[in-house]
N, C-alpha and C. Protein backbone atom coordinates (compact mmCIF):
# COMPACT_ATOMS: atom_id res chain seq x y z
N UNK A 1 276.38 49.47 186.53
CA UNK A 1 276.53 49.23 185.08
C UNK A 1 277.73 50.01 184.55
N UNK A 2 278.47 49.38 183.68
CA UNK A 2 279.62 50.05 183.10
C UNK A 2 279.14 50.97 182.00
N UNK A 3 279.57 52.23 182.06
CA UNK A 3 279.18 53.18 181.03
C UNK A 3 279.87 52.85 179.72
N UNK A 4 279.11 52.85 178.62
CA UNK A 4 279.67 52.64 177.30
C UNK A 4 279.82 53.98 176.62
N UNK A 5 280.94 54.25 176.01
CA UNK A 5 281.17 55.54 175.38
C UNK A 5 280.09 55.87 174.37
N UNK A 6 279.48 57.04 174.51
CA UNK A 6 278.51 57.50 173.53
C UNK A 6 277.13 56.93 173.71
N UNK A 7 276.91 56.10 174.75
CA UNK A 7 275.61 55.49 174.97
C UNK A 7 275.14 55.83 176.37
N UNK A 8 274.00 56.49 176.51
CA UNK A 8 273.48 56.89 177.82
C UNK A 8 272.72 55.75 178.45
N UNK A 9 272.48 55.87 179.79
CA UNK A 9 271.72 54.85 180.49
C UNK A 9 270.31 54.73 179.95
N UNK A 10 269.76 55.83 179.42
CA UNK A 10 268.40 55.80 178.90
C UNK A 10 268.26 54.84 177.72
N UNK A 11 269.38 54.59 177.06
CA UNK A 11 269.32 53.74 175.87
C UNK A 11 268.94 52.31 176.23
N UNK A 12 269.14 51.93 177.52
CA UNK A 12 268.85 50.57 177.93
C UNK A 12 267.46 50.43 178.51
N UNK A 13 266.67 51.53 178.50
CA UNK A 13 265.35 51.52 179.11
C UNK A 13 264.28 51.59 178.04
N UNK A 14 264.35 50.68 177.08
CA UNK A 14 263.39 50.69 175.98
C UNK A 14 262.10 50.03 176.41
N UNK A 15 260.96 50.56 175.93
CA UNK A 15 259.67 49.96 176.20
C UNK A 15 259.31 49.04 175.06
N UNK A 16 258.27 48.19 175.31
CA UNK A 16 257.82 47.30 174.25
C UNK A 16 257.36 48.08 173.04
N UNK A 17 256.76 49.25 173.27
CA UNK A 17 256.28 50.06 172.16
C UNK A 17 257.43 50.54 171.31
N UNK A 18 258.56 50.90 171.99
CA UNK A 18 259.72 51.38 171.23
C UNK A 18 260.22 50.29 170.29
N UNK A 19 260.26 49.07 170.79
CA UNK A 19 260.79 47.98 169.97
C UNK A 19 259.87 47.69 168.80
N UNK A 20 258.55 47.82 169.05
CA UNK A 20 257.61 47.53 167.96
C UNK A 20 257.67 48.56 166.86
N UNK A 21 258.08 49.81 167.22
CA UNK A 21 258.17 50.85 166.20
C UNK A 21 259.46 50.78 165.43
N UNK A 22 260.44 50.00 165.90
CA UNK A 22 261.73 49.93 165.22
C UNK A 22 262.66 50.98 165.75
N UNK A 23 263.87 50.98 165.30
CA UNK A 23 264.88 51.92 165.76
C UNK A 23 264.71 53.24 165.03
N UNK A 24 264.37 54.24 165.75
CA UNK A 24 264.24 55.57 165.19
C UNK A 24 265.03 56.54 166.00
N UNK A 25 264.95 57.81 165.70
CA UNK A 25 265.67 58.81 166.48
C UNK A 25 265.26 58.74 167.93
N UNK A 26 266.23 58.58 168.80
CA UNK A 26 265.97 58.57 170.22
C UNK A 26 265.59 57.21 170.75
N UNK A 27 265.40 56.21 169.88
CA UNK A 27 265.05 54.88 170.36
C UNK A 27 266.28 54.16 170.88
N UNK A 28 266.07 53.10 171.62
CA UNK A 28 267.18 52.40 172.25
C UNK A 28 267.89 51.48 171.27
N UNK A 29 269.12 51.08 171.64
CA UNK A 29 269.86 50.10 170.87
C UNK A 29 269.29 48.73 171.17
N UNK A 30 269.00 47.96 170.17
CA UNK A 30 268.46 46.62 170.35
C UNK A 30 269.61 45.69 170.73
N UNK A 31 269.74 45.43 172.02
CA UNK A 31 270.87 44.65 172.51
C UNK A 31 270.86 43.22 171.97
N UNK A 32 269.68 42.69 171.75
CA UNK A 32 269.59 41.34 171.23
C UNK A 32 270.20 41.27 169.83
N UNK A 33 269.90 42.30 169.01
CA UNK A 33 270.46 42.33 167.67
C UNK A 33 271.98 42.50 167.72
N UNK A 34 272.44 43.37 168.64
CA UNK A 34 273.88 43.59 168.79
C UNK A 34 274.56 42.28 169.15
N UNK A 35 273.97 41.55 170.09
CA UNK A 35 274.57 40.29 170.52
C UNK A 35 274.64 39.29 169.37
N UNK A 36 273.57 39.23 168.58
CA UNK A 36 273.54 38.30 167.44
C UNK A 36 274.62 38.65 166.43
N UNK A 37 274.75 39.95 166.12
CA UNK A 37 275.75 40.39 165.15
C UNK A 37 277.16 40.10 165.66
N UNK A 38 277.41 40.41 166.94
CA UNK A 38 278.73 40.16 167.52
C UNK A 38 279.05 38.67 167.51
N UNK A 39 278.03 37.86 167.84
CA UNK A 39 278.24 36.42 167.82
C UNK A 39 278.56 35.92 166.44
N UNK A 40 277.88 36.46 165.45
CA UNK A 40 278.14 36.05 164.07
C UNK A 40 279.55 36.43 163.63
N UNK A 41 279.97 37.64 164.00
CA UNK A 41 281.33 38.09 163.64
C UNK A 41 282.38 37.23 164.32
N UNK A 42 282.14 36.88 165.58
CA UNK A 42 283.08 36.02 166.30
C UNK A 42 283.15 34.65 165.64
N UNK A 43 281.99 34.16 165.19
CA UNK A 43 281.97 32.87 164.52
C UNK A 43 282.75 32.89 163.23
N UNK A 44 282.62 33.97 162.47
CA UNK A 44 283.38 34.10 161.22
C UNK A 44 284.87 34.13 161.50
N UNK A 45 285.27 34.89 162.55
CA UNK A 45 286.69 34.97 162.90
C UNK A 45 287.22 33.61 163.32
N UNK A 46 286.41 32.88 164.11
CA UNK A 46 286.83 31.56 164.56
C UNK A 46 286.96 30.60 163.38
N UNK A 47 286.00 30.68 162.45
CA UNK A 47 286.05 29.83 161.27
C UNK A 47 287.28 30.13 160.44
N UNK A 48 287.60 31.44 160.29
CA UNK A 48 288.79 31.81 159.54
C UNK A 48 290.05 31.27 160.17
N UNK A 49 290.13 31.32 161.51
CA UNK A 49 291.30 30.79 162.20
C UNK A 49 291.41 29.29 162.01
N UNK A 50 290.26 28.62 162.04
CA UNK A 50 290.27 27.16 161.87
C UNK A 50 290.76 26.79 160.48
N UNK A 51 290.35 27.56 159.46
CA UNK A 51 290.78 27.28 158.09
C UNK A 51 292.27 27.46 157.95
N UNK A 52 292.82 28.52 158.58
CA UNK A 52 294.24 28.83 158.45
C UNK A 52 295.10 27.90 159.30
N UNK A 53 294.73 27.72 160.57
CA UNK A 53 295.59 27.01 161.51
C UNK A 53 295.17 25.55 161.75
N UNK A 54 293.95 25.18 161.33
CA UNK A 54 293.47 23.84 161.58
C UNK A 54 294.39 22.75 161.08
N UNK A 55 294.82 22.77 159.81
CA UNK A 55 295.72 21.73 159.31
C UNK A 55 297.03 21.62 160.09
N UNK A 56 297.58 22.77 160.52
CA UNK A 56 298.82 22.76 161.29
C UNK A 56 298.61 22.10 162.64
N UNK A 57 297.49 22.42 163.29
CA UNK A 57 297.18 21.82 164.59
C UNK A 57 297.07 20.31 164.46
N UNK A 58 296.43 19.86 163.38
CA UNK A 58 296.28 18.42 163.16
C UNK A 58 297.64 17.77 162.99
N UNK A 59 298.51 18.38 162.20
CA UNK A 59 299.84 17.81 161.97
C UNK A 59 300.66 17.79 163.25
N UNK A 60 300.60 18.88 164.02
CA UNK A 60 301.34 18.93 165.28
C UNK A 60 300.87 17.81 166.20
N UNK A 61 299.57 17.61 166.27
CA UNK A 61 299.02 16.55 167.12
C UNK A 61 299.44 15.18 166.63
N UNK A 62 299.36 14.96 165.33
CA UNK A 62 299.72 13.66 164.77
C UNK A 62 301.20 13.33 164.97
N UNK A 63 302.05 14.35 164.97
CA UNK A 63 303.49 14.13 165.06
C UNK A 63 304.04 14.35 166.46
N UNK A 64 303.15 14.48 167.44
CA UNK A 64 303.59 14.76 168.81
C UNK A 64 304.29 13.56 169.46
N UNK A 65 304.13 12.36 168.88
CA UNK A 65 304.77 11.18 169.45
C UNK A 65 306.09 10.85 168.76
N UNK A 66 306.62 11.78 167.98
CA UNK A 66 307.89 11.57 167.28
C UNK A 66 309.04 11.41 168.27
N UNK A 67 309.94 10.50 167.98
CA UNK A 67 311.14 10.31 168.80
C UNK A 67 312.38 10.35 167.90
N UNK A 68 313.51 10.70 168.49
CA UNK A 68 314.79 10.66 167.78
C UNK A 68 315.80 9.90 168.62
N UNK A 69 316.72 9.25 167.93
CA UNK A 69 317.75 8.48 168.62
C UNK A 69 319.00 8.45 167.74
N UNK A 70 320.05 7.88 168.27
CA UNK A 70 321.30 7.76 167.51
C UNK A 70 321.69 6.28 167.47
N UNK A 71 321.16 5.55 166.49
CA UNK A 71 321.48 4.11 166.38
C UNK A 71 322.98 3.90 166.19
N UNK A 72 323.50 2.79 166.69
CA UNK A 72 324.94 2.54 166.55
C UNK A 72 325.37 2.31 165.10
N UNK A 73 324.42 1.88 164.24
CA UNK A 73 324.76 1.62 162.84
C UNK A 73 323.61 2.05 161.94
N UNK A 74 323.94 2.83 160.91
CA UNK A 74 322.96 3.24 159.90
C UNK A 74 323.59 2.97 158.54
N UNK A 75 323.26 1.83 157.96
CA UNK A 75 323.90 1.48 156.70
C UNK A 75 325.40 1.39 156.87
N UNK A 76 326.13 2.17 156.10
CA UNK A 76 327.59 2.17 156.21
C UNK A 76 328.10 3.17 157.25
N UNK A 77 327.17 3.88 157.91
CA UNK A 77 327.56 4.87 158.92
C UNK A 77 327.59 4.23 160.31
N UNK A 78 328.72 4.40 161.00
CA UNK A 78 328.89 3.87 162.34
C UNK A 78 329.02 5.02 163.34
N UNK A 79 328.31 4.89 164.46
CA UNK A 79 328.37 5.91 165.49
C UNK A 79 329.80 6.02 166.04
N UNK A 80 330.32 7.23 166.04
CA UNK A 80 331.68 7.50 166.49
C UNK A 80 331.59 8.08 167.89
N UNK A 81 331.95 7.31 168.91
CA UNK A 81 331.65 7.70 170.29
C UNK A 81 332.88 7.99 171.14
N UNK A 82 333.94 8.49 170.52
CA UNK A 82 335.09 8.90 171.32
C UNK A 82 334.74 10.15 172.11
N UNK A 83 335.55 10.49 173.08
CA UNK A 83 335.28 11.66 173.92
C UNK A 83 335.29 12.94 173.09
N UNK A 84 336.25 13.07 172.19
CA UNK A 84 336.32 14.27 171.35
C UNK A 84 335.09 14.37 170.45
N UNK A 85 334.68 13.24 169.88
CA UNK A 85 333.52 13.24 169.00
C UNK A 85 332.26 13.63 169.77
N UNK A 86 332.12 13.10 170.96
CA UNK A 86 330.94 13.41 171.78
C UNK A 86 330.90 14.89 172.13
N UNK A 87 332.03 15.45 172.50
CA UNK A 87 332.08 16.87 172.85
C UNK A 87 331.74 17.75 171.65
N UNK A 88 332.26 17.39 170.48
CA UNK A 88 331.98 18.16 169.26
C UNK A 88 330.50 18.11 168.93
N UNK A 89 329.91 16.92 169.00
CA UNK A 89 328.49 16.76 168.70
C UNK A 89 327.64 17.55 169.68
N UNK A 90 328.01 17.54 170.96
CA UNK A 90 327.25 18.27 171.97
C UNK A 90 327.37 19.78 171.76
N UNK A 91 328.52 20.23 171.30
CA UNK A 91 328.72 21.65 171.02
C UNK A 91 327.78 22.11 169.91
N UNK A 92 327.70 21.32 168.85
CA UNK A 92 326.81 21.66 167.74
C UNK A 92 325.35 21.57 168.20
N UNK A 93 325.02 20.55 168.97
CA UNK A 93 323.65 20.41 169.48
C UNK A 93 323.25 21.62 170.31
N UNK A 94 324.13 22.06 171.20
CA UNK A 94 323.85 23.23 172.04
C UNK A 94 323.61 24.47 171.20
N UNK A 95 324.38 24.61 170.12
CA UNK A 95 324.21 25.77 169.24
C UNK A 95 322.84 25.76 168.58
N UNK A 96 322.39 24.57 168.17
CA UNK A 96 321.09 24.46 167.50
C UNK A 96 319.94 24.76 168.46
N UNK A 97 320.00 24.22 169.67
CA UNK A 97 318.88 24.41 170.61
C UNK A 97 318.80 25.83 171.14
N UNK A 98 319.85 26.62 170.96
CA UNK A 98 319.73 28.04 171.32
C UNK A 98 318.90 28.80 170.29
N UNK A 99 318.79 28.26 169.08
CA UNK A 99 318.03 28.91 168.02
C UNK A 99 316.64 28.30 167.83
N UNK A 100 316.50 27.02 168.17
CA UNK A 100 315.23 26.31 167.95
C UNK A 100 314.79 25.68 169.26
N UNK A 101 313.55 25.92 169.64
CA UNK A 101 313.01 25.36 170.88
C UNK A 101 312.62 23.90 170.66
N UNK A 102 313.33 23.00 171.34
CA UNK A 102 313.08 21.57 171.22
C UNK A 102 312.88 20.97 172.60
N UNK A 103 312.00 19.99 172.70
CA UNK A 103 311.77 19.32 173.98
C UNK A 103 312.90 18.36 174.31
N UNK A 104 313.33 17.60 173.31
CA UNK A 104 314.42 16.65 173.48
C UNK A 104 315.33 16.74 172.26
N UNK A 105 316.63 16.53 172.46
CA UNK A 105 317.56 16.62 171.33
C UNK A 105 318.75 15.71 171.55
N UNK A 106 319.36 15.31 170.45
CA UNK A 106 320.55 14.46 170.50
C UNK A 106 321.57 15.01 169.53
N UNK A 107 322.82 14.71 169.80
CA UNK A 107 323.90 15.08 168.90
C UNK A 107 324.85 13.90 168.76
N UNK A 108 325.33 13.66 167.56
CA UNK A 108 326.20 12.50 167.34
C UNK A 108 327.09 12.74 166.14
N UNK A 109 328.16 11.99 166.10
CA UNK A 109 329.05 11.98 164.93
C UNK A 109 329.09 10.56 164.39
N UNK A 110 328.88 10.44 163.09
CA UNK A 110 328.95 9.15 162.42
C UNK A 110 330.14 9.14 161.47
N UNK A 111 330.70 7.95 161.30
CA UNK A 111 331.79 7.77 160.34
C UNK A 111 331.33 6.81 159.27
N UNK A 112 331.52 7.21 158.02
CA UNK A 112 331.17 6.36 156.89
C UNK A 112 332.34 5.41 156.62
N UNK A 113 332.05 4.13 156.62
CA UNK A 113 333.10 3.15 156.39
C UNK A 113 333.61 3.15 154.96
N UNK A 114 332.83 3.72 154.08
CA UNK A 114 333.21 3.73 152.67
C UNK A 114 333.85 5.07 152.30
N UNK A 115 334.69 5.06 151.28
CA UNK A 115 335.26 6.30 150.76
C UNK A 115 336.48 6.77 151.52
N UNK A 116 337.12 7.83 151.03
CA UNK A 116 338.32 8.37 151.66
C UNK A 116 338.02 8.95 153.04
N UNK A 117 339.02 8.99 153.89
CA UNK A 117 338.83 9.40 155.28
C UNK A 117 338.34 10.83 155.42
N UNK A 118 338.68 11.71 154.48
CA UNK A 118 338.32 13.11 154.62
C UNK A 118 336.82 13.36 154.42
N UNK A 119 336.07 12.39 153.92
CA UNK A 119 334.64 12.59 153.72
C UNK A 119 333.81 11.60 154.54
N UNK A 120 334.41 10.97 155.50
CA UNK A 120 333.70 9.96 156.26
C UNK A 120 332.85 10.55 157.40
N UNK A 121 333.20 11.69 157.90
CA UNK A 121 332.55 12.22 159.10
C UNK A 121 331.24 12.93 158.77
N UNK A 122 330.23 12.66 159.61
CA UNK A 122 328.95 13.35 159.54
C UNK A 122 328.59 13.80 160.95
N UNK A 123 328.35 15.09 161.12
CA UNK A 123 327.92 15.61 162.41
C UNK A 123 326.40 15.80 162.36
N UNK A 124 325.69 15.12 163.22
CA UNK A 124 324.24 15.10 163.16
C UNK A 124 323.61 15.58 164.47
N UNK A 125 322.63 16.45 164.33
CA UNK A 125 321.83 16.92 165.48
C UNK A 125 320.36 16.73 165.12
N UNK A 126 319.58 16.19 166.04
CA UNK A 126 318.15 16.00 165.80
C UNK A 126 317.39 16.22 167.11
N UNK A 127 316.15 16.64 166.99
CA UNK A 127 315.35 16.88 168.19
C UNK A 127 313.87 16.82 167.88
N UNK A 128 313.08 16.78 168.95
CA UNK A 128 311.62 16.74 168.82
C UNK A 128 310.99 17.88 169.59
N UNK A 129 309.79 18.23 169.20
CA UNK A 129 309.05 19.30 169.87
C UNK A 129 307.85 19.69 169.03
N UNK A 130 307.05 20.61 169.54
CA UNK A 130 305.91 21.13 168.79
C UNK A 130 306.41 22.27 167.90
N UNK A 131 306.64 21.97 166.65
CA UNK A 131 307.21 22.92 165.72
C UNK A 131 306.09 23.45 164.83
N UNK A 132 305.65 24.67 165.10
CA UNK A 132 304.52 25.24 164.37
C UNK A 132 304.92 25.76 163.00
N UNK A 133 306.17 26.21 162.87
CA UNK A 133 306.63 26.74 161.60
C UNK A 133 307.95 26.06 161.21
N UNK A 134 307.86 24.90 160.55
CA UNK A 134 309.07 24.13 160.21
C UNK A 134 310.10 24.92 159.41
N UNK A 135 309.63 25.75 158.47
CA UNK A 135 310.58 26.50 157.65
C UNK A 135 311.40 27.46 158.50
N UNK A 136 310.75 28.15 159.41
CA UNK A 136 311.47 29.07 160.29
C UNK A 136 312.43 28.31 161.21
N UNK A 137 312.00 27.14 161.69
CA UNK A 137 312.85 26.35 162.57
C UNK A 137 314.11 25.88 161.84
N UNK A 138 313.94 25.43 160.60
CA UNK A 138 315.10 24.96 159.84
C UNK A 138 316.04 26.12 159.52
N UNK A 139 315.49 27.28 159.22
CA UNK A 139 316.33 28.47 159.00
C UNK A 139 317.16 28.75 160.25
N UNK A 140 316.53 28.63 161.42
CA UNK A 140 317.25 28.86 162.68
C UNK A 140 318.37 27.86 162.89
N UNK A 141 318.12 26.60 162.55
CA UNK A 141 319.14 25.56 162.71
C UNK A 141 320.32 25.82 161.77
N UNK A 142 320.02 26.21 160.54
CA UNK A 142 321.10 26.53 159.60
C UNK A 142 321.91 27.72 160.09
N UNK A 143 321.22 28.70 160.65
CA UNK A 143 321.92 29.87 161.18
C UNK A 143 322.86 29.46 162.31
N UNK A 144 322.40 28.52 163.14
CA UNK A 144 323.20 28.09 164.29
C UNK A 144 324.48 27.38 163.86
N UNK A 145 324.38 26.49 162.87
CA UNK A 145 325.57 25.73 162.47
C UNK A 145 326.49 26.54 161.58
N UNK A 146 326.01 27.64 161.02
CA UNK A 146 326.87 28.46 160.16
C UNK A 146 327.91 29.23 160.96
N UNK A 147 327.67 29.39 162.28
CA UNK A 147 328.66 30.05 163.12
C UNK A 147 328.22 31.41 163.60
N UNK A 148 328.69 31.82 164.79
CA UNK A 148 328.28 33.09 165.38
C UNK A 148 329.05 34.31 164.88
N UNK A 149 330.11 34.08 164.11
CA UNK A 149 330.93 35.19 163.64
C UNK A 149 330.10 36.09 162.72
N UNK A 150 330.01 37.41 163.02
CA UNK A 150 329.25 38.32 162.15
C UNK A 150 329.72 38.31 160.71
N UNK A 151 330.97 37.91 160.49
CA UNK A 151 331.49 37.88 159.14
C UNK A 151 331.07 36.65 158.35
N UNK A 152 330.46 35.68 159.05
CA UNK A 152 330.03 34.46 158.36
C UNK A 152 328.88 34.78 157.41
N UNK A 153 328.91 34.15 156.27
CA UNK A 153 327.88 34.41 155.26
C UNK A 153 326.66 33.52 155.43
N UNK A 154 326.68 32.65 156.44
CA UNK A 154 325.55 31.76 156.64
C UNK A 154 325.60 30.60 155.67
N UNK A 155 324.46 29.95 155.52
CA UNK A 155 324.37 28.82 154.60
C UNK A 155 323.94 29.33 153.23
N UNK A 156 324.76 29.09 152.23
CA UNK A 156 324.50 29.59 150.89
C UNK A 156 323.83 28.53 150.02
N UNK A 157 323.27 29.01 148.92
CA UNK A 157 322.69 28.12 147.90
C UNK A 157 321.71 27.10 148.50
N UNK A 158 320.89 27.56 149.43
CA UNK A 158 319.91 26.67 150.07
C UNK A 158 318.82 26.31 149.06
N UNK A 159 318.50 25.03 148.98
CA UNK A 159 317.49 24.57 148.04
C UNK A 159 316.73 23.39 148.63
N UNK A 160 315.49 23.22 148.19
CA UNK A 160 314.68 22.11 148.65
C UNK A 160 315.18 20.80 148.06
N UNK A 161 315.11 19.74 148.86
CA UNK A 161 315.50 18.41 148.41
C UNK A 161 314.41 17.42 148.82
N UNK A 162 314.56 16.21 148.37
CA UNK A 162 313.60 15.16 148.67
C UNK A 162 313.57 14.89 150.18
N UNK A 163 312.38 15.00 150.79
CA UNK A 163 312.25 14.77 152.23
C UNK A 163 312.01 13.31 152.57
N UNK A 164 311.82 12.47 151.58
CA UNK A 164 311.60 11.06 151.84
C UNK A 164 310.18 10.76 152.30
N UNK A 165 309.96 9.55 152.77
CA UNK A 165 308.62 9.10 153.16
C UNK A 165 308.10 9.82 154.40
N UNK A 166 308.96 10.35 155.24
CA UNK A 166 308.51 11.04 156.45
C UNK A 166 307.94 12.42 156.15
N UNK A 167 308.21 12.92 154.98
CA UNK A 167 307.62 14.19 154.57
C UNK A 167 308.21 15.39 155.29
N UNK A 168 307.43 16.46 155.31
CA UNK A 168 307.92 17.70 155.89
C UNK A 168 308.78 18.47 154.91
N UNK A 169 309.67 19.28 155.44
CA UNK A 169 310.55 20.12 154.64
C UNK A 169 311.98 19.62 154.75
N UNK A 170 312.68 19.52 153.63
CA UNK A 170 314.10 19.14 153.63
C UNK A 170 314.85 20.06 152.70
N UNK A 171 315.99 20.55 153.17
CA UNK A 171 316.80 21.48 152.38
C UNK A 171 318.28 21.20 152.58
N UNK A 172 319.05 21.60 151.58
CA UNK A 172 320.51 21.50 151.66
C UNK A 172 321.13 22.80 151.17
N UNK A 173 322.35 23.05 151.59
CA UNK A 173 323.09 24.22 151.17
C UNK A 173 324.56 24.01 151.50
N UNK A 174 325.32 25.09 151.54
CA UNK A 174 326.74 24.95 151.84
C UNK A 174 327.22 26.12 152.70
N UNK A 175 328.11 25.78 153.61
CA UNK A 175 328.76 26.78 154.45
C UNK A 175 330.13 27.05 153.85
N UNK A 176 330.41 28.30 153.56
CA UNK A 176 331.69 28.67 152.94
C UNK A 176 332.44 29.60 153.88
N UNK A 177 333.70 29.24 154.17
CA UNK A 177 334.56 30.11 154.98
C UNK A 177 335.97 30.04 154.42
N UNK A 178 336.92 30.56 155.17
CA UNK A 178 338.29 30.63 154.69
C UNK A 178 338.91 29.25 154.51
N UNK A 179 338.34 28.25 155.17
CA UNK A 179 338.88 26.89 155.08
C UNK A 179 338.25 26.09 153.95
N UNK A 180 337.29 26.69 153.25
CA UNK A 180 336.64 25.99 152.16
C UNK A 180 335.14 25.92 152.34
N UNK A 181 334.52 24.92 151.77
CA UNK A 181 333.06 24.78 151.84
C UNK A 181 332.68 23.45 152.47
N UNK A 182 331.49 23.42 153.03
CA UNK A 182 330.98 22.20 153.65
C UNK A 182 329.49 22.09 153.38
N UNK A 183 329.06 20.92 152.92
CA UNK A 183 327.64 20.71 152.66
C UNK A 183 326.89 20.56 153.98
N UNK A 184 325.68 21.09 154.01
CA UNK A 184 324.82 20.97 155.19
C UNK A 184 323.40 20.68 154.70
N UNK A 185 322.76 19.73 155.34
CA UNK A 185 321.38 19.38 155.00
C UNK A 185 320.55 19.28 156.27
N UNK A 186 319.27 19.47 156.14
CA UNK A 186 318.41 19.37 157.30
C UNK A 186 316.97 19.12 156.92
N UNK A 187 316.19 18.75 157.92
CA UNK A 187 314.75 18.56 157.72
C UNK A 187 313.99 19.17 158.89
N UNK A 188 312.72 19.43 158.66
CA UNK A 188 311.86 19.92 159.72
C UNK A 188 310.42 19.57 159.37
N UNK A 189 309.69 19.10 160.36
CA UNK A 189 308.25 18.91 160.23
C UNK A 189 307.61 19.43 161.51
N UNK A 190 306.37 19.10 161.76
CA UNK A 190 305.70 19.65 162.93
C UNK A 190 306.02 18.91 164.22
N UNK A 191 306.88 17.88 164.13
CA UNK A 191 307.24 17.16 165.34
C UNK A 191 308.73 16.97 165.55
N UNK A 192 309.54 17.30 164.54
CA UNK A 192 310.97 17.07 164.68
C UNK A 192 311.77 18.00 163.78
N UNK A 193 313.05 18.05 164.08
CA UNK A 193 314.01 18.83 163.28
C UNK A 193 315.36 18.13 163.33
N UNK A 194 316.07 18.19 162.22
CA UNK A 194 317.41 17.62 162.21
C UNK A 194 318.30 18.39 161.25
N UNK A 195 319.58 18.42 161.54
CA UNK A 195 320.55 19.08 160.66
C UNK A 195 321.83 18.26 160.68
N UNK A 196 322.44 18.10 159.51
CA UNK A 196 323.65 17.29 159.40
C UNK A 196 324.71 18.06 158.61
N UNK A 197 325.92 18.00 159.11
CA UNK A 197 327.07 18.63 158.46
C UNK A 197 327.91 17.55 157.80
N UNK A 198 328.32 17.80 156.56
CA UNK A 198 329.06 16.81 155.78
C UNK A 198 330.39 17.39 155.31
N UNK A 199 331.40 17.45 156.14
CA UNK A 199 332.70 17.99 155.73
C UNK A 199 333.28 17.21 154.55
N UNK A 200 333.67 17.94 153.49
CA UNK A 200 334.33 17.31 152.35
C UNK A 200 333.43 16.56 151.41
N UNK A 201 332.16 16.44 151.72
CA UNK A 201 331.27 15.64 150.88
C UNK A 201 330.56 16.52 149.85
N UNK A 202 330.45 16.04 148.63
CA UNK A 202 329.75 16.77 147.58
C UNK A 202 328.26 16.86 147.90
N UNK A 203 327.61 17.90 147.36
CA UNK A 203 326.22 18.16 147.68
C UNK A 203 325.32 16.97 147.33
N UNK A 204 325.51 16.40 146.16
CA UNK A 204 324.67 15.28 145.73
C UNK A 204 324.80 14.11 146.70
N UNK A 205 326.01 13.85 147.18
CA UNK A 205 326.22 12.75 148.13
C UNK A 205 325.58 13.08 149.48
N UNK A 206 325.64 14.36 149.88
CA UNK A 206 325.03 14.77 151.14
C UNK A 206 323.51 14.59 151.10
N UNK A 207 322.91 14.91 149.98
CA UNK A 207 321.46 14.76 149.82
C UNK A 207 321.05 13.29 149.93
N UNK A 208 321.83 12.41 149.33
CA UNK A 208 321.55 10.98 149.42
C UNK A 208 321.73 10.48 150.84
N UNK A 209 322.77 10.97 151.52
CA UNK A 209 323.03 10.54 152.89
C UNK A 209 321.91 10.96 153.82
N UNK A 210 321.34 12.15 153.60
CA UNK A 210 320.24 12.61 154.44
C UNK A 210 319.05 11.66 154.36
N UNK A 211 318.76 11.18 153.16
CA UNK A 211 317.64 10.25 152.97
C UNK A 211 317.89 8.92 153.68
N UNK A 212 319.14 8.60 153.92
CA UNK A 212 319.48 7.38 154.63
C UNK A 212 319.48 7.59 156.14
N UNK A 213 319.98 8.74 156.57
CA UNK A 213 320.12 9.01 158.00
C UNK A 213 318.79 9.33 158.68
N UNK A 214 317.97 10.15 158.05
CA UNK A 214 316.76 10.63 158.72
C UNK A 214 315.81 9.51 159.16
N UNK A 215 315.41 8.59 158.27
CA UNK A 215 314.47 7.57 158.71
C UNK A 215 315.01 6.63 159.79
N UNK A 216 316.34 6.57 159.92
CA UNK A 216 316.93 5.75 160.96
C UNK A 216 316.95 6.48 162.31
N UNK A 217 317.02 7.79 162.25
CA UNK A 217 317.10 8.61 163.47
C UNK A 217 315.73 9.00 163.97
N UNK A 218 314.80 9.32 163.06
CA UNK A 218 313.46 9.80 163.43
C UNK A 218 312.43 8.69 163.31
N UNK A 219 311.64 8.52 164.37
CA UNK A 219 310.58 7.51 164.36
C UNK A 219 309.29 8.15 164.86
N UNK A 220 308.17 7.77 164.22
CA UNK A 220 306.85 8.19 164.73
C UNK A 220 305.77 7.20 164.31
């Protein structure tokens, strides 16, 4: 028998008479009562965990079949598949997956057929996985695209935006450096994450573009 601190072996040798008299000085510990109390406490702890984490587990399970792809055409956006574009998209994708654990991921560059050439490009990265904390995952993705330079200020003016019918969390902000500013938007739910860079595009236009791009890229 394993010795329990502060409890002698005699404590486990209770007679029926001892139990009938109740716990008094020198009487044994009622192991049955201890077991019942411990079981009740464990049940309360388990119930508390279910209340806190249950909804997240359900969402993760429901969104586990999410897929992402890069369609050749999304509205006025056309997939730009030159060698340079592919390398750039893969570079950004690699940066994101170093910060966020994803099972599968894609990177692509789209060109908007409308508007001036300086605002046509969109760099898009999306991936799927079991994402338990979407807000933390999106923060990590924003950190990745803001750049590794310690002098970078990260993504500024981050704010919530419309996530569309797919739900989850959607936010936009801006990256500011010596070359100017660039709008960045992203989404995260319990099954997917995406981030898009919009060089030269105004914030309002970037927010609208995200609502167009996401449902075409993410399916569940």
